Amino acid sequence: MSHIVRAALVQATWTGDTESMIAKHEEHAREAARQGAKVIGFQEVFNAPYFCQVQEPEHYRWAERVPDGPTVRRMRDLARETGMVIVVPVFEIEDAGFYYNTAAVIDADGSYLGKYRKHHIPQVRGFWEKYYFRPGNLGWPVFDTAVGRVGVYICYDRHFPEGWRQLGLNGAQLVYNPSATHRGLSSHLWQLEQPAAAVANLYYVAAINRVGQEEYGDNDFYGTSYFVDPRGRFVGDVASDKDEELLVRDLDFRLIDDVRQTWAFYRDRRPDAYEGLVKP
């Protein structure tokens, strides 16, 4: 396994229907593969609009099973075709009344490795997610992939440091954070929280945001997706705040060991003193 991992992410505008949205992401993935990328991640509920701007039962139609639904099956074919690891965020139905905000992780040979379910579910204007999603119940898995150990943390999760830390303790080298966040709410936090998490936990983070406005509300998704290294530095330029964009960046995983030796944060943890953190 190479120390240099060429990684990609996509920030996309909503096309108006699932079929064209998936097809567009397939083409971005193929282009990333042509550029040599070995792993790619998409934005939160990538194959649908961000329907959580409203609370309407019609939007349960976007849900599908994971891994047996049509989108994940199609992404498994895409992984086999491109030889890339793919992080696939979708709206999951497990059973009647059991819905989750989920990301499937697919290895480069098309094998399904597992899924992460979003833990922290917002319920504020423009982000009415508790109407649709149950809180995640699968912990913070880290997946052994063809490029290394990959974890996922979804959108609103990023405001909670505990999950970032658990991903690090579970061995993550790269964490994808697919999101849908708008300009007026959190833009001042966007370039603070994920770099801080990368430093505190000493791994790479891929921060992905939607871009543009969609039909179900007035949220202005501002893009500016990026990769950040374990020293908190952006890897290459940050993406546009207005336009769809594919980012492909080289991540040197040797840096993870270097910073963990220099900044011995894991050595100096005090879990024996943290009991109060988990009290209700």
Protein backbone atom coordinates (compact mmCIF):
# COMPACT_ATOMS: atom_id res chain seq x y z
CA MET A 1 0.00 0.00 0.00
CA SER A 2 1.44 3.38 -1.03
CA HIS A 3 2.09 6.06 1.59
CA ILE A 4 0.68 8.61 -0.87
CA VAL A 5 -3.09 8.29 -1.26
CA ARG A 6 -4.69 10.23 -4.10
CA ALA A 7 -8.12 11.11 -2.75
CA ALA A 8 -11.13 12.86 -4.25
CA LEU A 9 -14.38 14.48 -3.19
CA VAL A 10 -17.33 15.98 -5.05
CA GLN A 11 -19.43 19.03 -4.15
CA ALA A 12 -22.45 19.06 -6.44
CA THR A 13 -25.54 21.02 -7.38
CA TRP A 14 -28.89 19.25 -7.35
CA THR A 15 -30.02 18.21 -10.83
CA GLY A 16 -33.73 17.75 -10.12
CA ASP A 17 -33.94 13.95 -10.15
CA THR A 18 -32.12 10.95 -8.71
CA GLU A 19 -31.13 9.30 -11.98
CA SER A 20 -29.29 12.34 -13.36
CA MET A 21 -27.76 13.07 -9.94
CA ILE A 22 -26.29 9.59 -9.70
CA ALA A 23 -25.13 9.71 -13.33
CA LYS A 24 -23.35 13.01 -12.69
CA HIS A 25 -21.51 11.56 -9.70
CA GLU A 26 -20.53 8.51 -11.73
CA GLU A 27 -18.90 10.79 -14.29
CA HIS A 28 -17.08 12.72 -11.57
CA ALA A 29 -15.83 9.41 -10.16
CA ARG A 30 -14.61 8.28 -13.57
CA GLU A 31 -12.79 11.58 -14.02
CA ALA A 32 -11.23 11.22 -10.58
CA ALA A 33 -10.08 7.72 -11.53
CA ARG A 34 -8.56 9.09 -14.75
CA GLN A 35 -6.61 11.51 -12.55
CA GLY A 36 -5.35 8.60 -10.47
CA ALA A 37 -7.64 8.87 -7.44
CA LYS A 38 -8.04 5.73 -5.33
CA VAL A 39 -10.78 6.93 -2.96
CA ILE A 40 -13.72 9.31 -3.39
CA GLY A 41 -16.54 10.61 -1.21
CA PHE A 42 -19.85 12.31 -2.03
CA GLN A 43 -21.98 14.85 -0.14
CA GLU A 44 -24.73 14.14 2.39
CA VAL A 45 -27.71 12.24 0.84
CA PHE A 46 -25.91 12.74 -2.46
CA ASN A 47 -28.58 11.16 -4.70
CA ALA A 48 -31.41 13.40 -3.45
CA PRO A 49 -32.12 17.05 -2.73
CA TYR A 50 -31.59 18.23 0.83
CA PHE A 51 -35.27 17.64 1.58
CA CYS A 52 -34.83 18.33 5.32
CA GLN A 53 -35.49 22.00 4.65
CA VAL A 54 -39.16 20.99 4.97
CA GLN A 55 -41.15 18.43 6.96
CA GLU A 56 -43.30 16.55 4.47
CA PRO A 57 -44.05 12.82 4.31
CA GLU A 58 -43.56 12.76 0.53
CA HIS A 59 -39.80 12.85 1.10
CA TYR A 60 -39.67 9.40 2.61
CA ARG A 61 -39.67 8.29 -1.03
CA TRP A 62 -35.95 9.06 -1.23
CA ALA A 63 -35.12 6.30 1.27
CA GLU A 64 -33.67 2.94 0.24
CA ARG A 65 -32.05 -0.05 1.83
CA VAL A 66 -28.34 -0.30 2.52
CA PRO A 67 -26.59 -2.23 1.08
CA ASP A 68 -29.33 -3.85 -1.02
CA GLY A 69 -30.89 -0.71 -2.48
CA PRO A 70 -30.35 0.43 -6.06
CA THR A 71 -27.91 3.26 -5.35
CA VAL A 72 -25.45 1.25 -3.29
CA ARG A 73 -25.60 -1.63 -5.78
CA ARG A 74 -24.82 0.83 -8.56
CA MET A 75 -21.95 2.34 -6.59
CA ARG A 76 -20.51 -1.13 -6.02
CA ASP A 77 -20.42 -1.56 -9.80
CA LEU A 78 -18.75 1.84 -10.10
CA ALA A 79 -16.11 0.90 -7.53
CA ARG A 80 -15.30 -2.27 -9.49
CA GLU A 81 -15.14 -0.27 -12.72
CA THR A 82 -12.87 2.49 -11.39
CA GLY A 83 -10.87 0.58 -8.77
CA MET A 84 -11.71 3.24 -6.18
CA VAL A 85 -12.96 3.13 -2.61
CA ILE A 86 -16.29 5.05 -2.51
CA VAL A 87 -18.08 6.71 0.43
CA VAL A 88 -21.80 6.78 -0.46
CA PRO A 89 -24.15 8.89 1.74
CA VAL A 90 -27.85 8.04 1.32
CA PHE A 91 -31.20 8.12 3.14
CA GLU A 92 -31.58 4.60 4.56
CA ILE A 93 -34.72 2.65 5.40
CA GLU A 94 -34.00 -0.33 7.63
CA ASP A 95 -37.64 -1.28 8.21
CA ALA A 96 -41.00 0.45 8.40
CA GLY A 97 -40.53 3.51 10.61
CA PHE A 98 -36.76 3.01 10.95
CA TYR A 99 -34.90 5.61 8.87
CA TYR A 100 -31.30 6.79 9.12
CA ASN A 101 -28.91 9.29 7.58
CA THR A 102 -26.30 6.79 6.43
CA ALA A 103 -23.06 6.43 4.48
CA ALA A 104 -22.06 3.11 2.93
CA VAL A 105 -18.36 2.39 2.43
CA ILE A 106 -17.42 0.32 -0.62
CA ASP A 107 -13.96 -1.08 -1.24
CA ALA A 108 -12.05 -0.75 -4.50
CA ASP A 109 -13.13 -4.23 -5.64
CA GLY A 110 -16.81 -3.39 -5.16
CA SER A 111 -17.22 -5.21 -1.87
CA TYR A 112 -19.51 -3.62 0.68
CA LEU A 113 -17.54 -2.99 3.89
CA GLY A 114 -20.27 -1.55 6.09
CA LYS A 115 -22.04 1.67 6.96
CA TYR A 116 -22.02 4.59 9.34
CA ARG A 117 -25.25 6.12 10.64
CA LYS A 118 -25.28 9.79 11.66
CA HIS A 119 -25.43 10.10 15.45
CA HIS A 120 -26.37 13.73 16.04
CA ILE A 121 -29.64 14.78 14.42
CA PRO A 122 -30.49 18.52 14.22
CA GLN A 123 -33.98 19.98 14.44
CA VAL A 124 -33.74 23.69 13.63
CA ARG A 125 -35.14 25.89 10.87
CA GLY A 126 -34.01 24.61 7.48
CA PHE A 127 -32.62 21.39 9.01
CA TRP A 128 -35.66 19.44 10.20
CA GLU A 129 -33.83 16.13 10.37
CA LYS A 130 -35.54 14.61 13.39
CA TYR A 131 -38.69 14.43 11.27
CA TYR A 132 -36.92 11.88 9.03
CA PHE A 133 -33.98 10.24 10.82
CA ARG A 134 -33.41 8.19 13.95
CA PRO A 135 -30.05 8.72 15.72
CA GLY A 136 -27.31 6.41 14.53
CA ASN A 137 -26.78 3.18 16.47
CA LEU A 138 -23.75 1.52 14.87
CA GLY A 139 -20.98 3.31 16.74
CA TRP A 140 -18.03 4.85 14.93
CA PRO A 141 -16.73 2.14 12.60
CA VAL A 142 -13.43 2.52 10.77
CA PHE A 143 -13.12 0.46 7.61
CA ASP A 144 -10.02 -1.32 6.34
CA THR A 145 -9.96 -0.34 2.68
CA ALA A 146 -7.58 -0.63 -0.25
CA VAL A 147 -6.20 2.84 0.61
CA GLY A 148 -6.06 2.56 4.40
CA ARG A 149 -8.38 3.01 7.35
CA VAL A 150 -11.35 5.22 6.45
CA GLY A 151 -14.06 6.57 8.75
CA VAL A 152 -17.17 8.73 8.26
CA TYR A 153 -18.77 11.52 10.32
CA ILE A 154 -21.86 13.20 8.80
CA CYS A 155 -22.60 16.96 8.74
CA TYR A 156 -24.01 18.06 12.15
CA ASP A 157 -21.86 15.38 13.79
CA ARG A 158 -18.86 17.62 13.18
CA HIS A 159 -19.91 19.94 16.04
CA PHE A 160 -19.37 17.11 18.55
CA PRO A 161 -15.72 16.30 19.37
CA GLU A 162 -16.45 12.93 20.96
CA GLY A 163 -17.09 11.12 17.68
CA TRP A 164 -14.01 12.59 16.01
CA ARG A 165 -11.96 11.23 18.91
CA GLN A 166 -13.57 7.79 18.78
CA LEU A 167 -12.76 7.54 15.07
CA GLY A 168 -9.15 8.32 15.90
CA LEU A 169 -9.07 5.76 18.70
CA ASN A 170 -10.51 3.24 16.26
CA GLY A 171 -7.57 3.84 13.92
CA ALA A 172 -8.86 6.23 11.26
CA GLN A 173 -6.32 7.71 8.86
CA LEU A 174 -8.86 9.57 6.72
CA VAL A 175 -12.35 10.69 7.77
CA TYR A 176 -14.93 11.83 5.23
CA ASN A 177 -17.42 14.41 6.53
CA PRO A 178 -20.26 14.69 3.97
CA SER A 179 -22.42 17.72 4.73
CA ALA A 180 -25.20 20.07 3.69
CA THR A 181 -24.77 23.42 5.43
CA HIS A 182 -25.80 26.90 4.37
CA ARG A 183 -24.13 30.27 4.30
CA GLY A 184 -26.07 32.08 6.97
CA LEU A 185 -25.86 29.38 9.63
CA SER A 186 -22.36 27.98 9.90
CA SER A 187 -19.94 29.38 7.33
CA HIS A 188 -17.79 30.95 10.05
CA LEU A 189 -17.38 27.48 11.61
CA TRP A 190 -16.73 25.56 8.39
CA GLN A 191 -13.01 26.26 8.19
CA LEU A 192 -12.52 26.02 11.96
CA GLU A 193 -14.04 22.76 13.12
CA GLN A 194 -12.71 20.16 10.69
CA PRO A 195 -9.10 21.47 10.74
CA ALA A 196 -9.31 21.54 14.54
CA ALA A 197 -10.60 17.96 14.55
CA ALA A 198 -7.81 16.89 12.21
CA VAL A 199 -5.22 18.38 14.58
CA ALA A 200 -6.83 17.12 17.79
CA ASN A 201 -7.09 13.59 16.43
CA LEU A 202 -4.11 13.55 14.06
CA TYR A 203 -5.60 12.28 10.81
CA TYR A 204 -6.79 13.64 7.45
CA VAL A 205 -10.31 15.02 7.02
CA ALA A 206 -12.26 15.41 3.78
CA ALA A 207 -14.93 18.08 4.37
CA ILE A 208 -17.68 18.06 1.71
CA ASN A 209 -20.51 20.58 1.40
CA ARG A 210 -23.30 20.92 -1.12
CA VAL A 211 -23.34 23.98 -3.36
CA GLY A 212 -26.17 26.17 -4.64
CA GLN A 213 -29.87 26.54 -3.78
CA GLU A 214 -32.48 23.81 -4.16
CA GLU A 215 -36.22 23.63 -4.66
CA TYR A 216 -37.37 22.80 -1.11
CA GLY A 217 -36.09 25.85 0.74
CA ASP A 218 -33.88 28.92 0.72
CA ASN A 219 -30.72 27.39 2.18
CA ASP A 220 -27.70 28.66 0.25
CA PHE A 221 -25.22 25.78 0.30
CA TYR A 222 -21.79 27.36 0.00
CA GLY A 223 -19.46 24.55 -1.09
CA THR A 224 -15.87 25.40 -0.13
CA SER A 225 -15.10 21.70 0.32
CA TYR A 226 -11.55 20.75 1.15
CA PHE A 227 -9.01 18.23 2.42
CA VAL A 228 -7.10 19.08 5.58
CA ASP A 229 -4.00 17.33 6.95
CA PRO A 230 -3.15 16.28 10.54
CA ARG A 231 -1.37 19.60 11.10
CA GLY A 232 -4.57 21.49 10.24
CA ARG A 233 -3.33 22.70 6.84
CA PHE A 234 -5.47 22.68 3.72
CA VAL A 235 -4.20 20.24 1.10
CA GLY A 236 -4.32 22.37 -2.03
CA ASP A 237 -6.99 24.99 -2.62
CA VAL A 238 -10.44 25.03 -1.08
CA ALA A 239 -13.26 24.49 -3.59
CA SER A 240 -15.52 27.22 -4.97
CA ASP A 241 -18.33 28.67 -2.86
CA LYS A 242 -20.66 28.84 -5.87
CA ASP A 243 -19.82 26.13 -8.39
CA GLU A 244 -19.84 22.36 -8.56
CA GLU A 245 -16.34 20.95 -8.26
CA LEU A 246 -14.31 17.76 -8.13
CA LEU A 247 -11.23 17.96 -5.89
CA VAL A 248 -8.36 15.49 -6.27
CA ARG A 249 -5.50 15.73 -3.78
CA ASP A 250 -2.46 13.69 -2.73
CA LEU A 251 -2.46 12.79 0.97
CA ASP A 252 0.82 11.61 2.51
CA PHE A 253 -0.18 9.15 5.22
CA ARG A 254 3.37 9.16 6.61
CA LEU A 255 2.51 12.55 8.08
CA ILE A 256 0.09 10.84 10.48
CA ASP A 257 2.89 8.94 12.20
CA ASP A 258 5.11 12.02 12.18
CA VAL A 259 2.60 14.24 13.95
CA ARG A 260 1.60 11.53 16.40
CA GLN A 261 5.23 11.27 17.45
CA THR A 262 5.72 15.05 17.58
CA TRP A 263 2.38 15.94 19.17
CA ALA A 264 1.85 13.03 21.54
CA PHE A 265 -1.84 13.69 22.10
CA TYR A 266 -2.82 10.03 22.23
CA ARG A 267 -0.05 9.24 24.69
CA ASP A 268 -1.12 12.04 27.01
CA ARG A 269 -4.86 11.35 27.03
CA ARG A 270 -6.43 10.91 30.49
CA PRO A 271 -9.46 8.64 30.01
CA ASP A 272 -9.34 7.91 33.75
CA ALA A 273 -10.26 11.56 34.35
CA TYR A 274 -13.04 11.89 31.76
CA GLU A 275 -15.90 10.12 33.52
CA GLY A 276 -17.93 13.32 33.75
CA LEU A 277 -18.04 13.68 29.97
CA VAL A 278 -20.51 10.82 29.60
CA LYS A 279 -22.85 11.68 32.45
CA PRO A 280 -26.31 12.84 31.26
